[in-house]
Amino acid sequence: MNSETKNCQNCKKDFTVEEDDFSFYEKMKVPPPTFCPDCRLQRRLAWMIGTRLFKRECGLCKQNVISMYEPTAPLVVYCHKCWWSDKWDPSDYATEVDFSKPFLLQWKELLDKTPILGLSVDSITGDFSPFTNHTGNSKSCYMTYYSANNEYTSYGFYLVGNKNVLNSSMSINSELGFDNKNSFKNYNAVGFEDSIESMDSAFLKDCINCSNCFGSANLRNAKYVFFNEQLSKEQYNEKLDNIDLGSHDQYKYWKDKTTEHFKSFPPKPEFADRNANSTGSYFFDSKNCQEGYEVVGIEDSKYIMLVGEPPVRDAYDYVHWGSNTSLAYECVTVGDGASEVKFISESGHNIRNIEYSKLSTGAAYHFGCVSMKKKNYCILNKQYSKEEYTILREKIIKHMEDVPYVDKTGKVYKYGEFFPMEFALHSYNNSFANFFFPKTKDESLVEGLKWYEEDPKEYPITMPASNLSDNIKDTTNEILKEVIGCSLCPKGYKITEQELDLSRRLNVPLARACPFCRIDEKIKKWVKQMRQLQRECDKCGSIFKTHYDKSQAPKIFCKKCYQQEVY
């Protein structure tokens, strides 16, 4: 089939369905989408919580626990121990299919009454790092999100395999780090951005295999470089003797100074290695992957984001997770042996043929289920024989065509579309969708979306951030007793003992902003990486794609010119 232009139900803009896209939809046995790629992404991201955590009661053990769901959300939420236990049976909430009303409405009614997992963590993380979410195999971690395999790491998003890392995001296999973004295999690193296999340095951008360097960009295999000036070891140490990054004022001064310094250097235009016939940003080891953003090991796929656990193949419109997943369409937080899955959220661990479900684990053939585990051939949490399931599934699909769900703004949801945003369990302003597609409260409510009003006075503030000691050396353990007023929002926050100890070890200042503001600031920068813009090379004049706009990089080279200039 040739490519075809369609008009998006949501934004009313035209978008193109390519010939290869039709082949994928035929393989998945779904109709082509009626929403454009951006609106499909927004719809999925509305089901992903951002950096917020809340206190609420577990619906089973009645203990006060930490949850990703707002305390006002009318849901049945279980703590991770109770949800994974055998103390309850999701089949008890089973519902017969009612062909007098839209199927997706029936699924939403099931969702509202069936217990769901309060935090997406494994047992190790839940026991040893309870203030985390979408995090696995982590020990002594605090407020880490969409992360795994970390130790003694706090305040960050997308952290993998780190130890003793603080206030950093997009950091992988690094140790002793502070205030880093896109850091890979670094040691004793402060203020790094897009730097690899470097150590004992501060404020580096686009650097590889460097040590004892400060405030520099585009270095390769360098030592004793200060603001891109090569020095002797003695000269370099003399420079550093006059710098104390443990002072908040000095830290801010040098960070601002290096940020301006970096603007005179063309940044690496594309972060992509070992790929074939692939496009996107921060994509690696991939083949035939189009529009891949922050992905590794993807093959024959399109519109993929935040999938860092390979392999993944034959997937479209897929956000977060991975790990041996194939034939996936319109999924969010799905992985670990998932195959032939579509329109599902937060499901995995050897699942197959799952549709329109949430929290399906270790099973096959679910349609419209919630929290079902290790039971096959289930519809609305009721188990059927294989023959009954097959017949009823086909009948439901036809019913979804004939009696579709229509949302508050008139958008029509037949079989083949992901869940409506108005069904999302998180308020729009607390979801990842709001990072990519910001809305005001009024705009959200008009579209039938939820909005959460926080109580900033939940923790009474005992001192403003401006009263913190300028230098970490002058900070005593008495600070652990204080509730500090965030310099950026009305919230109060506390300094943890682990944070104080690591700040002293690294000789870096305590943050003047609450953890949410710290993490969100880096996520907002990450969002700008998840795009492609057309730029003109300032050296050869060729047109190419990069995630940098002119405000971020006034001067930029294409990949070929950058390699000639830097390597």
Protein backbone atom coordinates (compact mmCIF):
# COMPACT_ATOMS: atom_id res chain seq x y z
CA MET A 1 0.00 0.00 0.00
CA ASN A 2 1.24 3.49 -0.83
CA SER A 3 1.69 6.24 1.76
CA GLU A 4 -1.47 8.07 2.79
CA THR A 5 -2.18 11.48 4.31
CA LYS A 6 -4.58 11.53 7.25
CA ASN A 7 -5.99 14.28 9.45
CA CYS A 8 -5.43 13.93 13.20
CA GLN A 9 -8.56 13.66 15.33
CA ASN A 10 -6.92 15.66 18.11
CA CYS A 11 -4.80 18.52 16.70
CA LYS A 12 -6.53 18.55 13.27
CA LYS A 13 -3.16 18.57 11.48
CA ASP A 14 -2.31 16.30 8.56
CA PHE A 15 0.13 13.45 9.06
CA THR A 16 1.48 10.77 6.77
CA VAL A 17 1.19 7.01 7.15
CA GLU A 18 4.06 5.50 5.16
CA GLU A 19 4.07 2.29 3.18
CA ASP A 20 6.20 0.55 5.83
CA ASP A 21 3.77 1.72 8.50
CA PHE A 22 0.89 -0.02 6.78
CA SER A 23 2.95 -3.22 6.68
CA PHE A 24 3.47 -3.04 10.43
CA TYR A 25 -0.22 -2.38 11.13
CA GLU A 26 -1.14 -5.35 8.96
CA LYS A 27 1.33 -7.53 10.88
CA MET A 28 -0.22 -6.38 14.18
CA LYS A 29 -3.76 -6.75 12.80
CA VAL A 30 -4.76 -3.21 13.73
CA PRO A 31 -6.21 -0.36 11.66
CA PRO A 32 -3.97 2.67 10.96
CA PRO A 33 -4.11 5.37 13.67
CA THR A 34 -6.42 8.36 13.60
CA PHE A 35 -4.11 10.42 15.83
CA CYS A 36 -0.82 11.90 14.58
CA PRO A 37 2.51 10.70 16.09
CA ASP A 38 2.79 13.64 18.51
CA CYS A 39 -0.77 13.29 19.78
CA ARG A 40 -0.27 9.54 20.18
CA LEU A 41 2.86 10.24 22.23
CA GLN A 42 1.03 12.76 24.40
CA ARG A 43 -1.73 10.25 25.03
CA ARG A 44 0.74 7.58 26.20
CA LEU A 45 2.80 9.98 28.31
CA ALA A 46 -0.34 10.99 30.21
CA TRP A 47 -0.18 7.48 31.72
CA MET A 48 3.39 8.02 32.99
CA ILE A 49 3.82 9.74 36.34
CA GLY A 50 6.60 12.29 36.54
CA THR A 51 8.67 12.87 39.68
CA ARG A 52 5.89 13.09 42.25
CA LEU A 53 5.38 10.74 45.19
CA PHE A 54 2.52 10.82 47.68
CA LYS A 55 1.46 9.34 50.97
CA ARG A 56 -1.68 7.25 50.99
CA GLU A 57 -3.06 4.19 52.72
CA CYS A 58 -2.60 0.72 51.29
CA GLY A 59 -6.04 -0.66 50.55
CA LEU A 60 -5.14 -4.09 51.96
CA CYS A 61 -2.71 -3.81 54.90
CA LYS A 62 -3.97 -0.29 55.79
CA GLN A 63 -0.43 0.97 56.36
CA ASN A 64 0.50 4.50 55.31
CA VAL A 65 2.83 4.04 52.34
CA ILE A 66 4.47 5.95 49.52
CA SER A 67 2.58 5.83 46.24
CA MET A 68 2.72 7.29 42.74
CA TYR A 69 -1.01 7.98 42.98
CA GLU A 70 -2.36 11.17 44.47
CA PRO A 71 -4.14 10.76 47.82
CA THR A 72 -7.30 12.26 46.32
CA ALA A 73 -7.41 9.82 43.37
CA PRO A 74 -10.50 7.56 43.75
CA LEU A 75 -8.55 4.34 43.26
CA VAL A 76 -7.83 1.15 45.19
CA VAL A 77 -4.06 1.22 45.68
CA TYR A 78 -1.98 -1.56 47.25
CA CYS A 79 1.60 -1.32 48.45
CA HIS A 80 4.09 -3.43 46.48
CA LYS A 81 4.18 -6.21 49.10
CA CYS A 82 0.41 -6.59 49.16
CA TRP A 83 -0.07 -6.26 45.41
CA TRP A 84 2.46 -8.98 44.61
CA SER A 85 1.17 -11.26 47.40
CA ASP A 86 -1.34 -14.12 47.25
CA LYS A 87 -3.59 -12.41 49.79
CA TRP A 88 -6.05 -11.31 47.12
CA ASP A 89 -7.31 -12.40 43.71
CA PRO A 90 -7.88 -9.94 40.83
CA SER A 91 -10.49 -12.36 39.47
CA ASP A 92 -12.76 -11.33 42.32
CA TYR A 93 -13.32 -8.09 40.41
CA ALA A 94 -14.28 -9.81 37.15
CA THR A 95 -17.07 -8.30 35.07
CA GLU A 96 -19.25 -9.69 32.30
CA VAL A 97 -19.09 -7.88 28.97
CA ASP A 98 -22.05 -5.55 28.50
CA PHE A 99 -22.77 -4.96 24.83
CA SER A 100 -25.11 -2.10 25.59
CA LYS A 101 -22.27 0.36 26.28
CA PRO A 102 -18.76 1.09 24.97
CA PHE A 103 -16.17 -1.51 25.93
CA LEU A 104 -13.55 1.05 26.96
CA LEU A 105 -16.02 2.54 29.44
CA GLN A 106 -16.47 -0.93 30.94
CA TRP A 107 -12.70 -1.28 31.21
CA LYS A 108 -12.48 2.07 33.02
CA GLU A 109 -15.12 0.90 35.51
CA LEU A 110 -13.02 -2.22 36.14
CA LEU A 111 -9.90 -0.08 36.56
CA ASP A 112 -11.61 2.11 39.16
CA LYS A 113 -12.45 -0.82 41.44
CA THR A 114 -9.54 -3.24 40.95
CA PRO A 115 -6.47 -2.84 43.22
CA ILE A 116 -3.44 -1.44 41.41
CA LEU A 117 0.26 -1.30 42.27
CA GLY A 118 1.12 1.83 44.25
CA LEU A 119 4.81 1.93 43.33
CA SER A 120 6.37 0.22 40.35
CA VAL A 121 9.33 -1.31 42.19
CA ASP A 122 10.69 -4.78 42.87
CA SER A 123 11.02 -6.25 46.35
CA ILE A 124 14.67 -5.24 46.80
CA THR A 125 13.96 -1.64 45.87
CA GLY A 126 10.73 -1.49 47.85
CA ASP A 127 12.52 -2.68 50.99
CA PHE A 128 15.76 -0.69 50.66
CA SER A 129 14.75 2.32 48.54
CA PRO A 130 11.06 3.00 49.23
CA PHE A 131 11.12 6.65 48.07
CA THR A 132 11.58 5.72 44.39
CA ASN A 133 9.32 4.81 41.49
CA HIS A 134 9.70 2.79 38.29
CA THR A 135 12.99 1.68 39.78
CA GLY A 136 14.50 -1.78 40.14
CA ASN A 137 17.31 -3.58 41.92
CA SER A 138 18.39 -0.50 43.83
CA LYS A 139 19.89 -0.18 47.30
CA SER A 140 19.92 2.92 49.50
CA CYS A 141 18.53 5.14 46.75
CA TYR A 142 16.25 8.11 47.31
CA MET A 143 13.93 9.83 44.85
CA THR A 144 15.18 8.11 41.72
CA TYR A 145 12.77 7.57 38.84
CA TYR A 146 12.78 5.25 35.81
CA SER A 147 16.08 3.82 37.02
CA ALA A 148 17.77 0.51 37.87
CA ASN A 149 20.80 -1.13 39.47
CA ASN A 150 21.95 1.87 41.53
CA GLU A 151 23.45 2.18 45.01
CA TYR A 152 23.59 5.21 47.30
CA THR A 153 22.16 7.40 44.55
CA SER A 154 19.66 10.22 45.06
CA TYR A 155 17.55 12.73 43.14
CA GLY A 156 17.52 11.82 39.48
CA PHE A 157 15.76 10.46 36.42
CA TYR A 158 16.97 7.62 34.18
CA LEU A 159 19.88 6.39 36.27
CA VAL A 160 21.39 2.98 35.55
CA GLY A 161 24.27 1.20 37.27
CA ASN A 162 25.51 4.16 39.35
CA LYS A 163 27.01 4.36 42.82
CA ASN A 164 27.26 7.46 45.02
CA VAL A 165 25.69 9.82 42.49
CA LEU A 166 23.74 12.91 43.52
CA ASN A 167 21.47 15.38 41.68
CA SER A 168 22.18 13.80 38.29
CA SER A 169 20.03 12.42 35.47
CA MET A 170 20.67 10.31 32.38
CA SER A 171 23.71 8.87 34.14
CA ILE A 172 24.93 5.35 33.41
CA ASN A 173 27.62 3.22 35.07
CA SER A 174 29.18 6.17 36.89
CA GLU A 175 30.53 6.57 40.41
CA LEU A 176 30.96 9.64 42.60
CA GLY A 177 29.00 12.16 40.58
CA PHE A 178 27.17 15.43 41.21
CA ASP A 179 25.02 17.63 38.98
CA ASN A 180 25.64 15.58 35.82
CA LYS A 181 23.50 15.09 32.71
CA ASN A 182 24.18 12.44 30.06
CA SER A 183 27.11 10.96 31.95
CA PHE A 184 28.51 7.55 30.95
CA LYS A 185 31.20 5.61 32.80
CA ASN A 186 32.59 8.62 34.66
CA TYR A 187 34.28 8.77 38.05
CA ASN A 188 34.50 11.68 40.49
CA ALA A 189 32.65 13.91 38.04
CA VAL A 190 30.99 17.25 38.81
CA GLY A 191 28.87 19.26 36.39
CA PHE A 192 29.36 16.91 33.41
CA GLU A 193 27.23 17.04 30.27
CA ASP A 194 27.41 14.53 27.42
CA SER A 195 30.77 13.24 28.60
CA ILE A 196 32.19 9.73 28.65
CA GLU A 197 34.84 7.72 30.53
CA SER A 198 36.36 10.73 32.28
CA MET A 199 37.42 11.28 35.86
CA ASP A 200 38.57 13.76 38.52
CA SER A 201 37.16 16.70 36.56
CA ALA A 202 34.47 19.37 36.71
CA PHE A 203 32.25 21.15 34.18
CA LEU A 204 33.01 19.15 31.03
CA LYS A 205 30.86 19.04 27.89
CA ASP A 206 31.23 16.59 25.00
CA CYS A 207 34.45 15.16 26.41
CA ILE A 208 35.82 11.61 26.19
CA ASN A 209 38.51 9.90 28.26
CA CYS A 210 39.71 12.98 30.11
CA SER A 211 41.10 13.45 33.60
CA ASN A 212 42.00 16.48 35.68
CA CYS A 213 40.21 18.92 33.38
CA PHE A 214 37.99 21.89 34.23
CA GLY A 215 35.46 24.02 32.33
CA SER A 216 36.22 22.56 28.90
CA ALA A 217 34.42 21.25 25.84
CA ASN A 218 35.19 18.85 22.98
CA LEU A 219 38.26 17.29 24.61
CA ARG A 220 39.59 13.87 23.69
CA ASN A 221 42.13 11.96 25.81
CA ALA A 222 43.17 15.14 27.61
CA LYS A 223 44.77 15.97 30.95
CA TYR A 224 45.30 19.24 32.81
CA VAL A 225 43.12 21.39 30.58
CA PHE A 226 41.52 24.51 32.07
CA PHE A 227 38.88 26.30 29.97
CA ASN A 228 40.26 24.50 26.90
CA GLU A 229 43.80 25.71 27.58
CA GLN A 230 46.45 23.05 27.93
CA LEU A 231 48.46 23.53 31.14
CA SER A 232 51.19 21.69 32.94
CA LYS A 233 50.20 19.66 35.99
CA GLU A 234 51.64 22.36 38.26
CA GLN A 235 49.83 25.18 36.44
CA TYR A 236 46.55 23.26 36.53
CA ASN A 237 46.79 22.54 40.24
CA GLU A 238 47.61 26.18 40.91
CA LYS A 239 44.40 27.19 39.11
CA LEU A 240 42.35 24.74 41.16
CA ASP A 241 43.90 25.89 44.42
CA ASN A 242 41.92 29.12 43.98
CA ILE A 243 38.60 27.35 43.34
CA ASP A 244 36.38 25.88 46.06
CA LEU A 245 33.31 24.21 44.58
CA GLY A 246 32.11 23.50 48.10
CA SER A 247 30.99 27.12 48.19
CA HIS A 248 27.52 27.64 46.75
CA ASP A 249 28.45 31.08 45.44
CA GLN A 250 31.62 29.81 43.78
CA TYR A 251 29.85 26.77 42.35
CA LYS A 252 27.21 28.95 40.74
CA TYR A 253 29.85 31.38 39.43
CA TRP A 254 31.92 28.65 37.76
CA LYS A 255 28.88 26.83 36.40
CA ASP A 256 27.55 30.02 34.79
CA LYS A 257 31.02 30.89 33.47
CA THR A 258 31.52 27.48 31.87
CA THR A 259 28.00 27.52 30.38
CA GLU A 260 28.85 30.72 28.53
CA HIS A 261 32.27 29.33 27.57
CA PHE A 262 30.67 26.25 25.99
CA LYS A 263 28.59 28.39 23.61
CA SER A 264 31.72 29.26 21.62
CA PHE A 265 32.31 25.56 20.86
CA PRO A 266 30.14 23.63 18.42
CA PRO A 267 28.53 20.74 20.32
CA LYS A 268 28.44 17.20 19.08
CA PRO A 269 25.46 17.41 16.69
CA GLU A 270 24.23 13.86 17.10
CA PHE A 271 24.50 11.28 19.85
CA ALA A 272 24.19 8.07 17.90
CA ASP A 273 26.66 5.22 17.50
CA ARG A 274 26.71 1.78 15.92
CA ASN A 275 23.42 2.27 14.04
CA ALA A 276 22.20 1.34 10.58
CA ASN A 277 19.37 3.11 8.73
CA SER A 278 18.13 4.76 11.91
CA THR A 279 17.09 8.27 12.98
CA GLY A 280 16.39 10.06 16.23
CA SER A 281 18.42 11.39 19.14
CA TYR A 282 20.51 9.50 21.69
CA PHE A 283 20.01 6.19 19.88
CA PHE A 284 22.57 3.40 19.85
CA ASP A 285 23.14 -0.13 18.50
CA SER A 286 19.97 0.05 16.43
CA LYS A 287 18.93 -1.06 12.94
CA ASN A 288 16.00 0.20 10.90
CA CYS A 289 14.79 2.30 13.82
CA GLN A 290 13.07 5.53 12.85
CA GLU A 291 12.31 8.27 15.37
CA GLY A 292 14.16 6.55 18.22
CA TYR A 293 14.84 8.73 21.25
CA GLU A 294 16.97 7.57 24.20
CA VAL A 295 16.99 3.98 22.96
CA VAL A 296 19.44 1.09 22.73
CA GLY A 297 19.28 -2.09 20.65
CA ILE A 298 16.10 -1.40 18.65
CA GLU A 299 15.37 -3.08 15.32
CA ASP A 300 12.64 -2.58 12.69
CA SER A 301 10.73 -0.08 14.83
CA LYS A 302 9.39 3.47 14.83
CA TYR A 303 8.37 6.16 17.33
CA ILE A 304 10.28 4.67 20.26
CA MET A 305 11.34 6.54 23.41
CA LEU A 306 13.15 5.70 26.65
CA VAL A 307 13.67 2.04 25.80
CA GLY A 308 17.14 1.25 27.09
CA GLU A 309 16.97 -2.50 27.73
CA PRO A 310 17.56 -4.40 24.47
CA PRO A 311 16.68 -6.27 22.42
CA VAL A 312 13.48 -4.76 21.06
CA ARG A 313 12.20 -5.41 17.56
CA ASP A 314 9.04 -4.79 15.53
CA ALA A 315 7.62 -2.08 17.77
CA TYR A 316 5.77 1.18 17.09
CA ASP A 317 4.63 3.90 19.47
CA TYR A 318 6.39 2.46 22.49
CA VAL A 319 7.61 4.34 25.57
CA HIS A 320 9.77 2.96 28.39
CA TRP A 321 11.31 -0.36 29.32
CA GLY A 322 12.22 -3.06 26.76
CA SER A 323 14.22 -6.24 27.50
CA ASN A 324 13.45 -8.87 24.88
CA THR A 325 10.24 -7.30 23.61
CA SER A 326 8.77 -7.74 20.15
CA LEU A 327 5.61 -6.99 18.21
CA ALA A 328 4.55 -4.13 20.47
CA TYR A 329 2.22 -1.29 19.51
CA GLU A 330 0.96 1.69 21.53
CA CYS A 331 2.50 0.57 24.83
CA VAL A 332 3.89 2.40 27.85
CA THR A 333 6.17 0.84 30.51
CA VAL A 334 6.12 -2.64 29.06
CA GLY A 335 8.85 -5.26 28.80
CA ASP A 336 10.85 -8.27 29.96
CA GLY A 337 9.78 -10.93 27.51
CA ALA A 338 6.71 -9.20 26.10
CA SER A 339 5.43 -10.21 22.67
CA GLU A 340 2.35 -9.45 20.58
CA VAL A 341 1.15 -6.69 22.90
CA LYS A 342 -0.88 -3.59 22.09
CA PHE A 343 -2.65 -0.79 23.94
CA ILE A 344 -1.26 -1.74 27.37
CA SER A 345 0.33 0.04 30.32
CA GLU A 346 2.75 -1.09 33.03
CA SER A 347 2.81 -4.77 32.10
CA GLY A 348 5.46 -7.40 31.53
CA HIS A 349 7.46 -10.42 32.67
CA ASN A 350 6.78 -12.98 29.94
CA ILE A 351 3.47 -11.78 28.59
CA ARG A 352 1.99 -12.51 25.17
CA ASN A 353 -1.12 -11.43 23.28
CA ILE A 354 -2.20 -8.78 25.77
CA GLU A 355 -4.54 -5.96 24.67
CA TYR A 356 -6.20 -3.01 26.40
CA SER A 357 -4.87 -3.97 29.82
CA LYS A 358 -2.90 -2.57 32.75
CA LEU A 359 -0.58 -4.49 35.09
CA SER A 360 -0.83 -7.82 33.29
CA THR A 361 2.08 -10.06 34.35
CA GLY A 362 3.28 -13.55 33.49
CA ALA A 363 0.32 -14.49 31.31
CA ALA A 364 -1.10 -14.63 27.79
CA TYR A 365 -4.33 -13.62 26.07
CA HIS A 366 -5.76 -10.78 28.11
CA PHE A 367 -8.25 -8.30 26.68
CA GLY A 368 -9.38 -5.42 28.87
CA CYS A 369 -7.87 -6.65 32.14
CA VAL A 370 -6.45 -4.96 35.25
CA SER A 371 -3.83 -6.44 37.60
CA MET A 372 -4.24 -9.97 36.26
CA LYS A 373 -1.31 -12.29 37.02
CA LYS A 374 -0.50 -15.78 35.70
CA LYS A 375 -3.94 -16.48 34.26
CA ASN A 376 -4.56 -16.92 30.55
CA TYR A 377 -7.57 -16.18 28.35
CA CYS A 378 -9.11 -13.41 30.44
CA ILE A 379 -11.50 -10.60 29.48
CA LEU A 380 -12.43 -7.95 32.04
CA ASN A 381 -10.64 -10.16 34.61
CA LYS A 382 -12.89 -13.15 33.91
CA GLN A 383 -11.19 -16.33 32.70
CA TYR A 384 -12.55 -18.23 29.69
CA SER A 385 -11.65 -21.28 27.70
CA LYS A 386 -9.48 -20.69 24.64
CA GLU A 387 -12.45 -21.14 22.32
CA GLU A 388 -14.72 -18.85 24.38
CA TYR A 389 -12.01 -16.20 24.56
CA THR A 390 -11.39 -16.21 20.80
CA ILE A 391 -15.09 -15.85 19.94
CA LEU A 392 -15.77 -13.18 22.56
CA ARG A 393 -12.68 -11.15 21.62
CA GLU A 394 -13.80 -10.89 18.00
CA LYS A 395 -17.29 -9.91 19.12
CA ILE A 396 -15.85 -7.14 21.36
CA ILE A 397 -13.69 -5.75 18.55
CA LYS A 398 -16.73 -5.50 16.30
CA HIS A 399 -18.65 -3.87 19.17
CA MET A 400 -15.84 -1.31 19.58
CA GLU A 401 -16.25 -0.47 15.91
CA ASP A 402 -20.03 -0.19 16.14
CA VAL A 403 -20.29 1.43 19.60
CA PRO A 404 -17.02 3.32 20.14
CA TYR A 405 -16.15 5.35 23.20
CA VAL A 406 -16.44 9.11 22.59
CA ASP A 407 -14.54 11.38 24.96
CA LYS A 408 -15.56 14.75 26.39
CA THR A 409 -14.23 16.65 23.36
CA GLY A 410 -15.78 14.35 20.77
CA LYS A 411 -12.78 12.21 19.85
CA VAL A 412 -13.81 8.70 18.83
CA TYR A 413 -12.03 5.62 20.21
CA LYS A 414 -12.61 2.52 18.14
CA TYR A 415 -10.49 -0.62 18.27
CA GLY A 416 -6.93 0.40 17.39
CA GLU A 417 -6.57 3.49 19.58
CA PHE A 418 -4.78 3.69 22.95
CA PHE A 419 -6.71 4.61 26.10
CA PRO A 420 -8.19 8.12 26.20
CA MET A 421 -6.19 10.69 28.14
CA GLU A 422 -9.22 11.40 30.31
CA PHE A 423 -8.91 7.84 31.66
CA ALA A 424 -5.32 8.44 32.80
CA LEU A 425 -4.79 7.79 36.51
CA HIS A 426 -2.45 10.74 37.07
CA SER A 427 -3.42 14.38 36.97
CA TYR A 428 -2.14 15.94 33.77
CA ASN A 429 0.21 18.36 35.57
CA ASN A 430 1.88 15.43 37.37
CA SER A 431 2.35 13.35 34.22
CA PHE A 432 5.21 13.18 31.73
CA ALA A 433 2.81 14.53 29.11
CA ASN A 434 3.01 17.94 30.76
CA PHE A 435 6.79 18.07 30.24
CA PHE A 436 6.40 17.53 26.48
CA PHE A 437 2.99 19.12 25.86
CA PRO A 438 2.37 21.68 28.64
CA LYS A 439 -1.20 22.66 29.48
CA THR A 440 -2.75 25.10 31.91
CA LYS A 441 -5.26 24.00 34.50
CA ASP A 442 -8.15 25.47 32.51
CA GLU A 443 -7.02 23.78 29.30
CA SER A 444 -6.78 20.44 31.09
CA LEU A 445 -10.18 20.66 32.73
CA VAL A 446 -11.87 21.62 29.46
CA GLU A 447 -10.53 18.40 27.94
CA GLY A 448 -11.78 16.32 30.86
CA LEU A 449 -8.30 15.80 32.32
CA LYS A 450 -7.49 15.80 36.02
CA TRP A 451 -5.46 18.53 37.72
CA TYR A 452 -3.78 18.25 41.12
CA GLU A 453 -3.50 21.13 43.56
CA GLU A 454 -0.65 20.54 45.99
CA ASP A 455 -0.50 21.70 49.58
CA PRO A 456 2.93 23.34 49.83
CA LYS A 457 2.50 23.68 53.61
CA GLU A 458 2.46 19.93 54.23
CA TYR A 459 5.90 20.31 55.85
CA PRO A 460 6.21 23.57 57.85
CA ILE A 461 9.36 25.40 56.75
CA THR A 462 11.86 26.15 59.50
CA MET A 463 14.43 28.06 57.43
CA PRO A 464 14.71 29.54 53.93
CA ALA A 465 17.31 28.14 51.53
CA SER A 466 19.06 31.50 51.60
CA ASN A 467 20.06 30.81 55.21
CA LEU A 468 22.03 27.68 54.36
CA SER A 469 25.76 27.97 54.96
CA ASP A 470 27.52 29.03 51.79
CA ASN A 471 30.18 26.33 52.13
CA ILE A 472 29.60 22.64 52.76
CA LYS A 473 32.61 22.75 55.11
CA ASP A 474 30.65 25.02 57.43
CA THR A 475 27.52 22.85 57.42
CA THR A 476 26.90 20.83 60.58
CA ASN A 477 24.63 17.85 61.13
CA GLU A 478 22.11 20.22 62.69
CA ILE A 479 20.90 20.90 59.13
CA LEU A 480 19.32 17.42 59.15
CA LYS A 481 16.69 18.71 61.59
CA GLU A 482 15.56 21.60 59.39
CA VAL A 483 12.77 21.87 56.81
CA ILE A 484 14.21 24.17 54.16
CA GLY A 485 12.12 26.43 51.97
CA CYS A 486 12.76 25.78 48.27
CA SER A 487 14.15 28.80 46.42
CA LEU A 488 12.03 28.00 43.35
CA CYS A 489 8.65 26.85 44.69
CA PRO A 490 6.64 27.01 47.94
CA LYS A 491 7.60 23.50 49.08
CA GLY A 492 9.76 22.56 52.03
CA TYR A 493 12.38 19.83 51.88
CA LYS A 494 14.85 18.08 54.14
CA ILE A 495 18.50 17.20 53.68
CA THR A 496 19.14 13.48 54.12
CA GLU A 497 22.16 12.15 55.94
CA GLN A 498 23.26 10.34 52.77
CA GLU A 499 23.05 13.57 50.77
CA LEU A 500 25.05 15.49 53.39
CA ASP A 501 27.76 12.82 53.60
CA LEU A 502 28.17 12.59 49.82
CA SER A 503 28.20 16.39 49.43
CA ARG A 504 31.03 16.56 51.95
CA ARG A 505 32.91 13.76 50.22
CA LEU A 506 32.63 15.44 46.82
CA ASN A 507 33.05 18.95 48.27
CA VAL A 508 29.93 20.33 46.62
CA PRO A 509 27.27 22.63 48.09
CA LEU A 510 23.84 21.63 49.31
CA ALA A 511 21.04 22.36 46.89
CA ARG A 512 18.90 25.47 47.36
CA ALA A 513 15.95 23.88 45.56
CA CYS A 514 13.67 21.02 46.59
CA PRO A 515 14.26 17.58 45.02
CA PHE A 516 11.29 17.97 42.65
CA CYS A 517 12.61 21.23 41.21
CA ARG A 518 16.12 19.79 40.92
CA ILE A 519 15.01 16.70 39.02
CA ASP A 520 12.43 18.51 36.89
CA GLU A 521 15.05 21.02 35.75
CA LYS A 522 17.12 18.22 34.22
CA ILE A 523 14.07 16.47 32.77
CA LYS A 524 13.11 19.69 30.98
CA LYS A 525 16.56 19.76 29.40
CA TRP A 526 16.21 16.08 28.49
CA VAL A 527 12.87 16.79 26.78
CA LYS A 528 14.68 19.19 24.43
CA GLN A 529 16.97 16.31 23.45
CA MET A 530 13.99 14.20 22.41
CA ARG A 531 13.45 16.00 19.10
CA GLN A 532 15.10 16.72 15.76
CA LEU A 533 15.48 20.19 14.27
CA GLN A 534 16.95 21.30 10.98
CA ARG A 535 20.16 23.33 11.26
CA GLU A 536 22.75 24.63 8.80
CA CYS A 537 26.36 23.67 9.37
CA ASP A 538 28.41 26.78 10.20
CA LYS A 539 31.42 25.28 8.40
CA CYS A 540 30.23 23.66 5.16
CA GLY A 541 26.67 25.02 4.88
CA SER A 542 24.99 21.61 4.65
CA ILE A 543 21.54 21.04 6.18
CA PHE A 544 21.30 18.35 8.84
CA LYS A 545 19.22 17.39 11.88
CA THR A 546 20.13 17.88 15.53
CA HIS A 547 18.33 18.44 18.82
CA TYR A 548 20.10 21.78 19.43
CA ASP A 549 18.30 25.02 18.59
CA LYS A 550 20.19 28.30 18.14
CA SER A 551 19.69 29.42 21.74
CA GLN A 552 21.39 26.25 22.96
CA ALA A 553 24.13 26.17 20.33
CA PRO A 554 24.73 29.42 18.42
CA LYS A 555 27.49 27.66 16.50
CA ILE A 556 27.12 24.12 15.23
CA PHE A 557 28.75 21.76 12.73
CA CYS A 558 27.36 18.78 10.86
CA LYS A 559 28.63 15.36 11.93
CA LYS A 560 31.36 15.23 9.28
CA CYS A 561 32.72 18.69 10.06
CA TYR A 562 32.52 18.08 13.81
CA GLN A 563 34.60 14.92 13.45
CA GLN A 564 37.17 16.75 11.35
CA GLU A 565 37.34 19.56 13.89
CA VAL A 566 37.37 17.60 17.16
CA TYR A 567 38.76 14.12 16.55
